Amino acid sequence: FSFKYSDRPGVRAERLPFKVPEEEKAERLRIFQEAQNIITAAELSALLGSEAEVLVEGQSKKQEHDTIFWTGRDGGGRVVNFSASTENLIGRMVPVRIIAAKKHSLVAEIRGTPW
């Protein structure tokens, strides 16, 4: 997450006379987030085809028809979504292969037995 700078009550910087205009703050944030999106896309795309173990946190917010999608995190803390049976997988480790990279997450397919 990234945000525009704002004063924090009680800190010395709050009393400095020069303040960065809101338009400049917004532009700096836009530039930073644009650069971060490029870095994140490269990092996630580099994982295509790799295998990982995912700790399942719950069902994904996005569901399609009769398919259940689960979400969890790999060893690097990245969000990984995958489809699986209706079996409750929360708290279990699931071996997966990364098949797609989205803007802020990965899509995978199960490659073994959850444990």
PDB file of N, CA and C in Angstrom:
ATOM      1  N   PHE A   1       0.837  -1.180   0.000  1.00  0.00           N
ATOM      2  CA  PHE A   1       0.000   0.000   0.000  1.00  0.00           C
ATOM      3  C   PHE A   1       0.877   1.237   0.000  1.00  0.00           C
ATOM      4  N   SER A   2       0.429   2.268  -0.650  1.00  0.00           N
ATOM      5  CA  SER A   2       1.143   3.540  -0.641  1.00  0.00           C
ATOM      6  C   SER A   2       0.110   4.662  -0.605  1.00  0.00           C
ATOM      7  N   PHE A   3       0.508   5.747   0.017  1.00  0.00           N
ATOM      8  CA  PHE A   3      -0.416   6.852   0.243  1.00  0.00           C
ATOM      9  C   PHE A   3       0.296   8.179   0.032  1.00  0.00           C
ATOM     10  N   LYS A   4      -0.499   9.224  -0.172  1.00  0.00           N
ATOM     11  CA  LYS A   4       0.059  10.571  -0.214  1.00  0.00           C
ATOM     12  C   LYS A   4       0.534  10.928   1.187  1.00  0.00           C
ATOM     13  N   TYR A   5       1.611  11.709   1.256  1.00  0.00           N
ATOM     14  CA  TYR A   5       2.121  12.166   2.551  1.00  0.00           C
ATOM     15  C   TYR A   5       1.090  13.064   3.217  1.00  0.00           C
ATOM     16  N   SER A   6       0.950  12.913   4.524  1.00  0.00           N
ATOM     17  CA  SER A   6       0.121  13.831   5.304  1.00  0.00           C
ATOM     18  C   SER A   6       0.810  14.066   6.646  1.00  0.00           C
ATOM     19  N   ASP A   7       0.607  15.251   7.190  1.00  0.00           N
ATOM     20  CA  ASP A   7       1.210  15.583   8.482  1.00  0.00           C
ATOM     21  C   ASP A   7       0.713  14.640   9.569  1.00  0.00           C
ATOM     22  N   ARG A   8       1.597  14.371  10.501  1.00  0.00           N
ATOM     23  CA  ARG A   8       1.247  13.579  11.675  1.00  0.00           C
ATOM     24  C   ARG A   8       1.227  14.522  12.870  1.00  0.00           C
ATOM     25  N   PRO A   9       0.133  14.566  13.597  1.00  0.00           N
ATOM     26  CA  PRO A   9       0.031  15.473  14.750  1.00  0.00           C
ATOM     27  C   PRO A   9       1.138  15.219  15.773  1.00  0.00           C
ATOM     28  N   GLY A  10       1.727  16.324  16.248  1.00  0.00           N
ATOM     29  CA  GLY A  10       2.702  16.232  17.317  1.00  0.00           C
ATOM     30  C   GLY A  10       4.139  16.011  16.887  1.00  0.00           C
ATOM     31  N   VAL A  11       4.399  15.868  15.594  1.00  0.00           N
ATOM     32  CA  VAL A  11       5.785  15.675  15.150  1.00  0.00           C
ATOM     33  C   VAL A  11       6.343  17.009  14.649  1.00  0.00           C
ATOM     34  N   ARG A  12       7.667  17.167  14.734  1.00  0.00           N
ATOM     35  CA  ARG A  12       8.294  18.444  14.364  1.00  0.00           C
ATOM     36  C   ARG A  12       8.031  18.820  12.909  1.00  0.00           C
ATOM     37  N   ALA A  13       7.994  17.853  12.025  1.00  0.00           N
ATOM     38  CA  ALA A  13       7.786  18.148  10.602  1.00  0.00           C
ATOM     39  C   ALA A  13       6.445  18.837  10.357  1.00  0.00           C
ATOM     40  N   GLU A  14       5.504  18.631  11.239  1.00  0.00           N
ATOM     41  CA  GLU A  14       4.190  19.264  11.088  1.00  0.00           C
ATOM     42  C   GLU A  14       4.309  20.795  11.138  1.00  0.00           C
ATOM     43  N   ARG A  15       5.326  21.285  11.833  1.00  0.00           N
ATOM     44  CA  ARG A  15       5.495  22.738  12.010  1.00  0.00           C
ATOM     45  C   ARG A  15       6.364  23.381  10.929  1.00  0.00           C
ATOM     46  N   LEU A  16       6.894  22.611  10.018  1.00  0.00           N
ATOM     47  CA  LEU A  16       7.716  23.191   8.949  1.00  0.00           C
ATOM     48  C   LEU A  16       6.850  24.109   8.087  1.00  0.00           C
ATOM     49  N   PRO A  17       7.405  25.258   7.673  1.00  0.00           N
ATOM     50  CA  PRO A  17       6.589  26.227   6.931  1.00  0.00           C
ATOM     51  C   PRO A  17       6.239  25.785   5.508  1.00  0.00           C
ATOM     52  N   PHE A  18       7.144  25.069   4.848  1.00  0.00           N
ATOM     53  CA  PHE A  18       6.891  24.685   3.459  1.00  0.00           C
ATOM     54  C   PHE A  18       6.066  23.400   3.422  1.00  0.00           C
ATOM     55  N   LYS A  19       4.992  23.423   2.703  1.00  0.00           N
ATOM     56  CA  LYS A  19       4.150  22.235   2.537  1.00  0.00           C
ATOM     57  C   LYS A  19       4.068  21.893   1.048  1.00  0.00           C
ATOM     58  N   VAL A  20       4.189  20.637   0.744  1.00  0.00           N
ATOM     59  CA  VAL A  20       4.081  20.185  -0.644  1.00  0.00           C
ATOM     60  C   VAL A  20       2.608  20.283  -1.046  1.00  0.00           C
ATOM     61  N   PRO A  21       2.323  20.932  -2.180  1.00  0.00           N
ATOM     62  CA  PRO A  21       0.933  21.065  -2.628  1.00  0.00           C
ATOM     63  C   PRO A  21       0.289  19.689  -2.888  1.00  0.00           C
ATOM     64  N   GLU A  22      -1.007  19.609  -2.682  1.00  0.00           N
ATOM     65  CA  GLU A  22      -1.745  18.355  -2.867  1.00  0.00           C
ATOM     66  C   GLU A  22      -1.560  17.789  -4.277  1.00  0.00           C
ATOM     67  N   GLU A  23      -1.537  18.674  -5.293  1.00  0.00           N
ATOM     68  CA  GLU A  23      -1.364  18.212  -6.670  1.00  0.00           C
ATOM     69  C   GLU A  23      -0.017  17.514  -6.833  1.00  0.00           C
ATOM     70  N   GLU A  24       1.025  18.076  -6.208  1.00  0.00           N
ATOM     71  CA  GLU A  24       2.364  17.484  -6.282  1.00  0.00           C
ATOM     72  C   GLU A  24       2.398  16.143  -5.550  1.00  0.00           C
ATOM     73  N   LYS A  25       1.739  16.072  -4.406  1.00  0.00           N
ATOM     74  CA  LYS A  25       1.668  14.808  -3.661  1.00  0.00           C
ATOM     75  C   LYS A  25       1.001  13.728  -4.515  1.00  0.00           C
ATOM     76  N   ALA A  26      -0.092  14.105  -5.162  1.00  0.00           N
ATOM     77  CA  ALA A  26      -0.823  13.148  -5.996  1.00  0.00           C
ATOM     78  C   ALA A  26       0.035  12.679  -7.173  1.00  0.00           C
ATOM     79  N   GLU A  27       0.769  13.599  -7.790  1.00  0.00           N
ATOM     80  CA  GLU A  27       1.624  13.245  -8.930  1.00  0.00           C
ATOM     81  C   GLU A  27       2.774  12.344  -8.493  1.00  0.00           C
ATOM     82  N   ARG A  28       3.392  12.638  -7.361  1.00  0.00           N
ATOM     83  CA  ARG A  28       4.469  11.789  -6.845  1.00  0.00           C
ATOM     84  C   ARG A  28       3.952  10.383  -6.547  1.00  0.00           C
ATOM     85  N   LEU A  29       2.779  10.310  -5.955  1.00  0.00           N
ATOM     86  CA  LEU A  29       2.191   9.006  -5.647  1.00  0.00           C
ATOM     87  C   LEU A  29       1.906   8.233  -6.933  1.00  0.00           C
ATOM     88  N   ARG A  30       1.364   8.921  -7.946  1.00  0.00           N
ATOM     89  CA  ARG A  30       1.062   8.268  -9.223  1.00  0.00           C
ATOM     90  C   ARG A  30       2.335   7.703  -9.850  1.00  0.00           C
ATOM     91  N   ILE A  31       3.403   8.478  -9.858  1.00  0.00           N
ATOM     92  CA  ILE A  31       4.676   8.034 -10.437  1.00  0.00           C
ATOM     93  C   ILE A  31       5.212   6.833  -9.671  1.00  0.00           C
ATOM     94  N   PHE A  32       5.172   6.916  -8.356  1.00  0.00           N
ATOM     95  CA  PHE A  32       5.657   5.811  -7.522  1.00  0.00           C
ATOM     96  C   PHE A  32       4.855   4.537  -7.785  1.00  0.00           C
ATOM     97  N   GLN A  33       3.531   4.643  -7.785  1.00  0.00           N
ATOM     98  CA  GLN A  33       2.695   3.458  -7.977  1.00  0.00           C
ATOM     99  C   GLN A  33       2.854   2.872  -9.377  1.00  0.00           C
ATOM    100  N   GLU A  34       3.046   3.725 -10.366  1.00  0.00           N
ATOM    101  CA  GLU A  34       3.282   3.248 -11.729  1.00  0.00           C
ATOM    102  C   GLU A  34       4.573   2.429 -11.789  1.00  0.00           C
ATOM    103  N   ALA A  35       5.619   2.936 -11.165  1.00  0.00           N
ATOM    104  CA  ALA A  35       6.894   2.208 -11.124  1.00  0.00           C
ATOM    105  C   ALA A  35       6.742   0.898 -10.355  1.00  0.00           C
ATOM    106  N   GLN A  36       6.029   0.940  -9.243  1.00  0.00           N
ATOM    107  CA  GLN A  36       5.835  -0.272  -8.447  1.00  0.00           C
ATOM    108  C   GLN A  36       5.042  -1.320  -9.218  1.00  0.00           C
ATOM    109  N   ASN A  37       4.052  -0.903  -9.994  1.00  0.00           N
ATOM    110  CA  ASN A  37       3.272  -1.851 -10.798  1.00  0.00           C
ATOM    111  C   ASN A  37       4.149  -2.573 -11.815  1.00  0.00           C
ATOM    112  N   ILE A  38       5.105  -1.870 -12.404  1.00  0.00           N
ATOM    113  CA  ILE A  38       6.028  -2.487 -13.365  1.00  0.00           C
ATOM    114  C   ILE A  38       6.902  -3.518 -12.658  1.00  0.00           C
ATOM    115  N   ILE A  39       7.416  -3.162 -11.494  1.00  0.00           N
ATOM    116  CA  ILE A  39       8.255  -4.079 -10.720  1.00  0.00           C
ATOM    117  C   ILE A  39       7.462  -5.314 -10.304  1.00  0.00           C
ATOM    118  N   THR A  40       6.252  -5.110  -9.804  1.00  0.00           N
ATOM    119  CA  THR A  40       5.415  -6.225  -9.359  1.00  0.00           C
ATOM    120  C   THR A  40       5.067  -7.145 -10.522  1.00  0.00           C
ATOM    121  N   ALA A  41       4.725  -6.580 -11.675  1.00  0.00           N
ATOM    122  CA  ALA A  41       4.393  -7.396 -12.845  1.00  0.00           C
ATOM    123  C   ALA A  41       5.577  -8.262 -13.252  1.00  0.00           C
ATOM    124  N   ALA A  42       6.770  -7.700 -13.235  1.00  0.00           N
ATOM    125  CA  ALA A  42       7.968  -8.472 -13.594  1.00  0.00           C
ATOM    126  C   ALA A  42       8.223  -9.581 -12.580  1.00  0.00           C
ATOM    127  N   GLU A  43       8.074  -9.258 -11.297  1.00  0.00           N
ATOM    128  CA  GLU A  43       8.301 -10.256 -10.245  1.00  0.00           C
ATOM    129  C   GLU A  43       7.309 -11.414 -10.356  1.00  0.00           C
ATOM    130  N   LEU A  44       6.038 -11.089 -10.529  1.00  0.00           N
ATOM    131  CA  LEU A  44       5.023 -12.140 -10.602  1.00  0.00           C
ATOM    132  C   LEU A  44       5.154 -12.951 -11.892  1.00  0.00           C
ATOM    133  N   SER A  45       5.430 -12.299 -13.003  1.00  0.00           N
ATOM    134  CA  SER A  45       5.584 -13.008 -14.280  1.00  0.00           C
ATOM    135  C   SER A  45       6.766 -13.971 -14.251  1.00  0.00           C
ATOM    136  N   ALA A  46       7.803 -13.619 -13.513  1.00  0.00           N
ATOM    137  CA  ALA A  46       8.985 -14.483 -13.413  1.00  0.00           C
ATOM    138  C   ALA A  46       8.666 -15.810 -12.724  1.00  0.00           C
ATOM    139  N   LEU A  47       7.550 -15.873 -12.027  1.00  0.00           N
ATOM    140  CA  LEU A  47       7.170 -17.092 -11.302  1.00  0.00           C
ATOM    141  C   LEU A  47       6.348 -18.065 -12.150  1.00  0.00           C
ATOM    142  N   LEU A  48       5.974 -17.663 -13.364  1.00  0.00           N
ATOM    143  CA  LEU A  48       5.177 -18.542 -14.230  1.00  0.00           C
ATOM    144  C   LEU A  48       5.880 -19.876 -14.433  1.00  0.00           C
ATOM    145  N   GLY A  49       5.136 -20.961 -14.230  1.00  0.00           N
ATOM    146  CA  GLY A  49       5.680 -22.302 -14.403  1.00  0.00           C
ATOM    147  C   GLY A  49       6.354 -22.863 -13.168  1.00  0.00           C
ATOM    148  N   SER A  50       6.582 -22.036 -12.177  1.00  0.00           N
ATOM    149  CA  SER A  50       7.238 -22.527 -10.959  1.00  0.00           C
ATOM    150  C   SER A  50       6.234 -23.235 -10.051  1.00  0.00           C
ATOM    151  N   GLU A  51       6.768 -24.007  -9.119  1.00  0.00           N
ATOM    152  CA  GLU A  51       5.920 -24.706  -8.160  1.00  0.00           C
ATOM    153  C   GLU A  51       6.105 -24.088  -6.790  1.00  0.00           C
ATOM    154  N   ALA A  52       5.050 -24.147  -5.993  1.00  0.00           N
ATOM    155  CA  ALA A  52       5.084 -23.556  -4.658  1.00  0.00           C
ATOM    156  C   ALA A  52       4.131 -24.321  -3.756  1.00  0.00           C
ATOM    157  N   GLU A  53       4.260 -24.078  -2.475  1.00  0.00           N
ATOM    158  CA  GLU A  53       3.290 -24.576  -1.509  1.00  0.00           C
ATOM    159  C   GLU A  53       2.532 -23.363  -0.992  1.00  0.00           C
ATOM    160  N   VAL A  54       1.211 -23.482  -0.962  1.00  0.00           N
ATOM    161  CA  VAL A  54       0.356 -22.367  -0.574  1.00  0.00           C
ATOM    162  C   VAL A  54      -0.372 -22.713   0.720  1.00  0.00           C
ATOM    163  N   LEU A  55      -0.312 -21.809   1.684  1.00  0.00           N
ATOM    164  CA  LEU A  55      -1.096 -21.947   2.907  1.00  0.00           C
ATOM    165  C   LEU A  55      -2.448 -21.309   2.628  1.00  0.00           C
ATOM    166  N   VAL A  56      -3.506 -22.117   2.647  1.00  0.00           N
ATOM    167  CA  VAL A  56      -4.838 -21.646   2.272  1.00  0.00           C
ATOM    168  C   VAL A  56      -5.438 -20.809   3.402  1.00  0.00           C
ATOM    169  N   GLU A  57      -5.897 -19.603   3.030  1.00  0.00           N
ATOM    170  CA  GLU A  57      -6.509 -18.688   3.993  1.00  0.00           C
ATOM    171  C   GLU A  57      -8.024 -18.731   3.941  1.00  0.00           C
ATOM    172  N   GLY A  58      -8.586 -19.098   2.795  1.00  0.00           N
ATOM    173  CA  GLY A  58     -10.043 -19.138   2.669  1.00  0.00           C
ATOM    174  C   GLY A  58     -10.460 -19.204   1.222  1.00  0.00           C
ATOM    175  N   GLN A  59     -11.766 -19.086   1.004  1.00  0.00           N
ATOM    176  CA  GLN A  59     -12.267 -19.057  -0.363  1.00  0.00           C
ATOM    177  C   GLN A  59     -11.986 -17.682  -0.948  1.00  0.00           C
ATOM    178  N   SER A  60     -11.680 -17.669  -2.234  1.00  0.00           N
ATOM    179  CA  SER A  60     -11.421 -16.424  -2.936  1.00  0.00           C
ATOM    180  C   SER A  60     -12.707 -15.607  -3.006  1.00  0.00           C
ATOM    181  N   LYS A  61     -12.566 -14.290  -3.052  1.00  0.00           N
ATOM    182  CA  LYS A  61     -13.734 -13.415  -3.189  1.00  0.00           C
ATOM    183  C   LYS A  61     -14.423 -13.645  -4.525  1.00  0.00           C
ATOM    184  N   LYS A  62     -13.636 -14.023  -5.522  1.00  0.00           N
ATOM    185  CA  LYS A  62     -14.159 -14.211  -6.874  1.00  0.00           C
ATOM    186  C   LYS A  62     -14.467 -15.683  -7.109  1.00  0.00           C
ATOM    187  N   GLN A  63     -15.709 -15.983  -7.393  1.00  0.00           N
ATOM    188  CA  GLN A  63     -16.139 -17.351  -7.671  1.00  0.00           C
ATOM    189  C   GLN A  63     -16.773 -17.385  -9.059  1.00  0.00           C
ATOM    190  N   GLU A  64     -16.659 -18.518  -9.729  1.00  0.00           N
ATOM    191  CA  GLU A  64     -17.246 -18.672 -11.063  1.00  0.00           C
ATOM    192  C   GLU A  64     -18.095 -19.928 -11.120  1.00  0.00           C
ATOM    193  N   HIS A  65     -19.357 -19.767 -11.438  1.00  0.00           N
ATOM    194  CA  HIS A  65     -20.286 -20.883 -11.645  1.00  0.00           C
ATOM    195  C   HIS A  65     -20.179 -21.909 -10.519  1.00  0.00           C
ATOM    196  N   ASP A  66     -19.909 -23.155 -10.850  1.00  0.00           N
ATOM    197  CA  ASP A  66     -19.841 -24.219  -9.849  1.00  0.00           C
ATOM    198  C   ASP A  66     -18.419 -24.474  -9.359  1.00  0.00           C
ATOM    199  N   THR A  67     -17.476 -23.690  -9.809  1.00  0.00           N
ATOM    200  CA  THR A  67     -16.082 -23.884  -9.421  1.00  0.00           C
ATOM    201  C   THR A  67     -15.780 -23.092  -8.154  1.00  0.00           C
ATOM    202  N   ILE A  68     -15.115 -23.739  -7.212  1.00  0.00           N
ATOM    203  CA  ILE A  68     -14.721 -23.052  -5.983  1.00  0.00           C
ATOM    204  C   ILE A  68     -13.269 -22.617  -6.117  1.00  0.00           C
ATOM    205  N   PHE A  69     -13.033 -21.345  -5.892  1.00  0.00           N
ATOM    206  CA  PHE A  69     -11.675 -20.814  -5.916  1.00  0.00           C
ATOM    207  C   PHE A  69     -11.223 -20.535  -4.490  1.00  0.00           C
ATOM    208  N   TRP A  70      -9.992 -20.918  -4.220  1.00  0.00           N
ATOM    209  CA  TRP A  70      -9.388 -20.725  -2.911  1.00  0.00           C
ATOM    210  C   TRP A  70      -8.272 -19.710  -3.027  1.00  0.00           C
ATOM    211  N   THR A  71      -7.951 -19.080  -1.916  1.00  0.00           N
ATOM    212  CA  THR A  71      -6.859 -18.118  -1.883  1.00  0.00           C
ATOM    213  C   THR A  71      -5.955 -18.407  -0.696  1.00  0.00           C
ATOM    214  N   GLY A  72      -4.688 -18.160  -0.911  1.00  0.00           N
ATOM    215  CA  GLY A  72      -3.713 -18.356   0.150  1.00  0.00           C
ATOM    216  C   GLY A  72      -2.446 -17.611  -0.201  1.00  0.00           C
ATOM    217  N   ARG A  73      -1.389 -17.909   0.533  1.00  0.00           N
ATOM    218  CA  ARG A  73      -0.114 -17.230   0.294  1.00  0.00           C
ATOM    219  C   ARG A  73       1.005 -18.243   0.166  1.00  0.00           C
ATOM    220  N   ASP A  74       1.924 -17.923  -0.746  1.00  0.00           N
ATOM    221  CA  ASP A  74       3.095 -18.782  -0.911  1.00  0.00           C
ATOM    222  C   ASP A  74       4.143 -18.406   0.135  1.00  0.00           C
ATOM    223  N   GLY A  75       5.291 -19.037   0.084  1.00  0.00           N
ATOM    224  CA  GLY A  75       6.344 -18.777   1.053  1.00  0.00           C
ATOM    225  C   GLY A  75       6.875 -17.360   1.033  1.00  0.00           C
ATOM    226  N   GLY A  76       6.659 -16.646  -0.066  1.00  0.00           N
ATOM    227  CA  GLY A  76       7.092 -15.254  -0.173  1.00  0.00           C
ATOM    228  C   GLY A  76       6.009 -14.263   0.212  1.00  0.00           C
ATOM    229  N   GLY A  77       4.862 -14.774   0.676  1.00  0.00           N
ATOM    230  CA  GLY A  77       3.766 -13.908   1.086  1.00  0.00           C
ATOM    231  C   GLY A  77       2.888 -13.429  -0.051  1.00  0.00           C
ATOM    232  N   ARG A  78       3.117 -13.930  -1.264  1.00  0.00           N
ATOM    233  CA  ARG A  78       2.321 -13.513  -2.419  1.00  0.00           C
ATOM    234  C   ARG A  78       0.971 -14.226  -2.421  1.00  0.00           C
ATOM    235  N   VAL A  79      -0.074 -13.514  -2.845  1.00  0.00           N
ATOM    236  CA  VAL A  79      -1.418 -14.087  -2.921  1.00  0.00           C
ATOM    237  C   VAL A  79      -1.491 -15.028  -4.119  1.00  0.00           C
ATOM    238  N   VAL A  80      -1.998 -16.247  -3.870  1.00  0.00           N
ATOM    239  CA  VAL A  80      -2.147 -17.257  -4.917  1.00  0.00           C
ATOM    240  C   VAL A  80      -3.588 -17.756  -4.882  1.00  0.00           C
ATOM    241  N   ASN A  81      -4.258 -17.733  -6.040  1.00  0.00           N
ATOM    242  CA  ASN A  81      -5.625 -18.232  -6.167  1.00  0.00           C
ATOM    243  C   ASN A  81      -5.621 -19.479  -7.034  1.00  0.00           C
ATOM    244  N   PHE A  82      -6.467 -20.445  -6.673  1.00  0.00           N
ATOM    245  CA  PHE A  82      -6.554 -21.686  -7.441  1.00  0.00           C
ATOM    246  C   PHE A  82      -7.921 -22.310  -7.223  1.00  0.00           C
ATOM    247  N   SER A  83      -8.330 -23.166  -8.158  1.00  0.00           N
ATOM    248  CA  SER A  83      -9.613 -23.857  -8.010  1.00  0.00           C
ATOM    249  C   SER A  83      -9.365 -25.247  -7.443  1.00  0.00           C
ATOM    250  N   ALA A  84     -10.359 -25.724  -6.685  1.00  0.00           N
ATOM    251  CA  ALA A  84     -10.249 -27.051  -6.074  1.00  0.00           C
ATOM    252  C   ALA A  84     -11.641 -27.548  -5.742  1.00  0.00           C
ATOM    253  N   SER A  85     -11.700 -28.744  -5.216  1.00  0.00           N
ATOM    254  CA  SER A  85     -12.973 -29.343  -4.833  1.00  0.00           C
ATOM    255  C   SER A  85     -13.612 -28.534  -3.705  1.00  0.00           C
ATOM    256  N   THR A  86     -14.775 -28.973  -3.294  1.00  0.00           N
ATOM    257  CA  THR A  86     -15.481 -28.285  -2.218  1.00  0.00           C
ATOM    258  C   THR A  86     -14.904 -28.614  -0.849  1.00  0.00           C
ATOM    259  N   GLU A  87     -13.942 -29.525  -0.789  1.00  0.00           N
ATOM    260  CA  GLU A  87     -13.303 -29.883   0.475  1.00  0.00           C
ATOM    261  C   GLU A  87     -12.726 -28.635   1.145  1.00  0.00           C
ATOM    262  N   ASN A  88     -12.922 -28.519   2.450  1.00  0.00           N
ATOM    263  CA  ASN A  88     -12.407 -27.364   3.177  1.00  0.00           C
ATOM    264  C   ASN A  88     -10.883 -27.427   3.237  1.00  0.00           C
ATOM    265  N   LEU A  89     -10.239 -26.452   2.645  1.00  0.00           N
ATOM    266  CA  LEU A  89      -8.778 -26.423   2.591  1.00  0.00           C
ATOM    267  C   LEU A  89      -8.166 -25.374   3.519  1.00  0.00           C
ATOM    268  N   ILE A  90      -8.980 -24.651   4.255  1.00  0.00           N
ATOM    269  CA  ILE A  90      -8.466 -23.584   5.114  1.00  0.00           C
ATOM    270  C   ILE A  90      -7.463 -24.152   6.115  1.00  0.00           C
ATOM    271  N   GLY A  91      -6.299 -23.510   6.171  1.00  0.00           N
ATOM    272  CA  GLY A  91      -5.247 -23.917   7.097  1.00  0.00           C
ATOM    273  C   GLY A  91      -4.357 -25.032   6.587  1.00  0.00           C
ATOM    274  N   ARG A  92      -4.640 -25.530   5.391  1.00  0.00           N
ATOM    275  CA  ARG A  92      -3.839 -26.621   4.832  1.00  0.00           C
ATOM    276  C   ARG A  92      -2.833 -26.081   3.825  1.00  0.00           C
ATOM    277  N   MET A  93      -1.785 -26.856   3.611  1.00  0.00           N
ATOM    278  CA  MET A  93      -0.776 -26.530   2.603  1.00  0.00           C
ATOM    279  C   MET A  93      -1.151 -27.261   1.317  1.00  0.00           C
ATOM    280  N   VAL A  94      -1.092 -26.545   0.205  1.00  0.00           N
ATOM    281  CA  VAL A  94      -1.464 -27.122  -1.083  1.00  0.00           C
ATOM    282  C   VAL A  94      -0.313 -26.904  -2.066  1.00  0.00           C
ATOM    283  N   PRO A  95       0.234 -27.989  -2.640  1.00  0.00           N
ATOM    284  CA  PRO A  95       1.271 -27.830  -3.668  1.00  0.00           C
ATOM    285  C   PRO A  95       0.624 -27.379  -4.980  1.00  0.00           C
ATOM    286  N   VAL A  96       1.183 -26.343  -5.592  1.00  0.00           N
ATOM    287  CA  VAL A  96       0.609 -25.787  -6.815  1.00  0.00           C
ATOM    288  C   VAL A  96       1.699 -25.480  -7.831  1.00  0.00           C
ATOM    289  N   ARG A  97       1.244 -25.264  -9.071  1.00  0.00           N
ATOM    290  CA  ARG A  97       2.112 -24.752 -10.141  1.00  0.00           C
ATOM    291  C   ARG A  97       1.496 -23.448 -10.603  1.00  0.00           C
ATOM    292  N   ILE A  98       2.298 -22.415 -10.715  1.00  0.00           N
ATOM    293  CA  ILE A  98       1.826 -21.089 -11.116  1.00  0.00           C
ATOM    294  C   ILE A  98       1.569 -21.089 -12.625  1.00  0.00           C
ATOM    295  N   ILE A  99       0.330 -20.715 -13.007  1.00  0.00           N
ATOM    296  CA  ILE A  99      -0.039 -20.740 -14.431  1.00  0.00           C
ATOM    297  C   ILE A  99      -0.365 -19.354 -14.997  1.00  0.00           C
ATOM    298  N   ALA A 100      -0.541 -18.355 -14.132  1.00  0.00           N
ATOM    299  CA  ALA A 100      -0.842 -17.004 -14.621  1.00  0.00           C
ATOM    300  C   ALA A 100      -0.463 -15.979 -13.560  1.00  0.00           C
ATOM    301  N   ALA A 101      -0.150 -14.794 -14.045  1.00  0.00           N
ATOM    302  CA  ALA A 101       0.153 -13.675 -13.150  1.00  0.00           C
ATOM    303  C   ALA A 101      -0.861 -12.578 -13.417  1.00  0.00           C
ATOM    304  N   LYS A 102      -1.495 -12.102 -12.368  1.00  0.00           N
ATOM    305  CA  LYS A 102      -2.432 -10.983 -12.470  1.00  0.00           C
ATOM    306  C   LYS A 102      -1.722  -9.736 -11.942  1.00  0.00           C
ATOM    307  N   LYS A 103      -2.453  -8.654 -11.791  1.00  0.00           N
ATOM    308  CA  LYS A 103      -1.834  -7.393 -11.372  1.00  0.00           C
ATOM    309  C   LYS A 103      -1.197  -7.486  -9.984  1.00  0.00           C
ATOM    310  N   HIS A 104      -1.885  -8.141  -9.043  1.00  0.00           N
ATOM    311  CA  HIS A 104      -1.368  -8.212  -7.676  1.00  0.00           C
ATOM    312  C   HIS A 104      -1.401  -9.620  -7.098  1.00  0.00           C
ATOM    313  N   SER A 105      -1.625 -10.618  -7.930  1.00  0.00           N
ATOM    314  CA  SER A 105      -1.719 -11.985  -7.415  1.00  0.00           C
ATOM    315  C   SER A 105      -1.326 -12.988  -8.488  1.00  0.00           C
ATOM    316  N   LEU A 106      -1.277 -14.244  -8.070  1.00  0.00           N
ATOM    317  CA  LEU A 106      -0.937 -15.344  -8.971  1.00  0.00           C
ATOM    318  C   LEU A 106      -2.113 -16.297  -9.079  1.00  0.00           C
ATOM    319  N   VAL A 107      -2.184 -17.003 -10.201  1.00  0.00           N
ATOM    320  CA  VAL A 107      -3.185 -18.051 -10.404  1.00  0.00           C
ATOM    321  C   VAL A 107      -2.423 -19.354 -10.550  1.00  0.00           C
ATOM    322  N   ALA A 108      -2.935 -20.405  -9.913  1.00  0.00           N
ATOM    323  CA  ALA A 108      -2.213 -21.674  -9.921  1.00  0.00           C
ATOM    324  C   ALA A 108      -3.167 -22.838 -10.125  1.00  0.00           C
ATOM    325  N   GLU A 109      -2.570 -24.007 -10.367  1.00  0.00           N
ATOM    326  CA  GLU A 109      -3.326 -25.254 -10.406  1.00  0.00           C
ATOM    327  C   GLU A 109      -2.694 -26.198  -9.391  1.00  0.00           C
ATOM    328  N   ILE A 110      -3.531 -27.023  -8.787  1.00  0.00           N
ATOM    329  CA  ILE A 110      -3.034 -27.966  -7.782  1.00  0.00           C
ATOM    330  C   ILE A 110      -2.148 -29.007  -8.450  1.00  0.00           C
ATOM    331  N   ARG A 111      -1.018 -29.321  -7.805  1.00  0.00           N
ATOM    332  CA  ARG A 111      -0.058 -30.278  -8.355  1.00  0.00           C
ATOM    333  C   ARG A 111       0.186 -31.466  -7.437  1.00  0.00           C
ATOM    334  N   GLY A 112      -0.589 -31.607  -6.397  1.00  0.00           N
ATOM    335  CA  GLY A 112      -0.386 -32.718  -5.479  1.00  0.00           C
ATOM    336  C   GLY A 112      -1.471 -32.747  -4.423  1.00  0.00           C
ATOM    337  N   THR A 113      -1.249 -33.547  -3.417  1.00  0.00           N
ATOM    338  CA  THR A 113      -2.235 -33.726  -2.357  1.00  0.00           C
ATOM    339  C   THR A 113      -2.050 -32.678  -1.261  1.00  0.00           C
ATOM    340  N   PRO A 114      -3.136 -31.973  -0.919  1.00  0.00           N
ATOM    341  CA  PRO A 114      -3.044 -31.019   0.195  1.00  0.00           C
ATOM    342  C   PRO A 114      -2.688 -31.749   1.485  1.00  0.00           C
ATOM    343  N   TRP A 115      -1.955 -31.096   2.347  1.00  0.00           N
ATOM    344  CA  TRP A 115      -1.605 -31.702   3.619  1.00  0.00           C
ATOM    345  C   TRP A 115      -1.789 -30.716   4.749  1.00  0.00           C
TER     346      TRP A 115
END
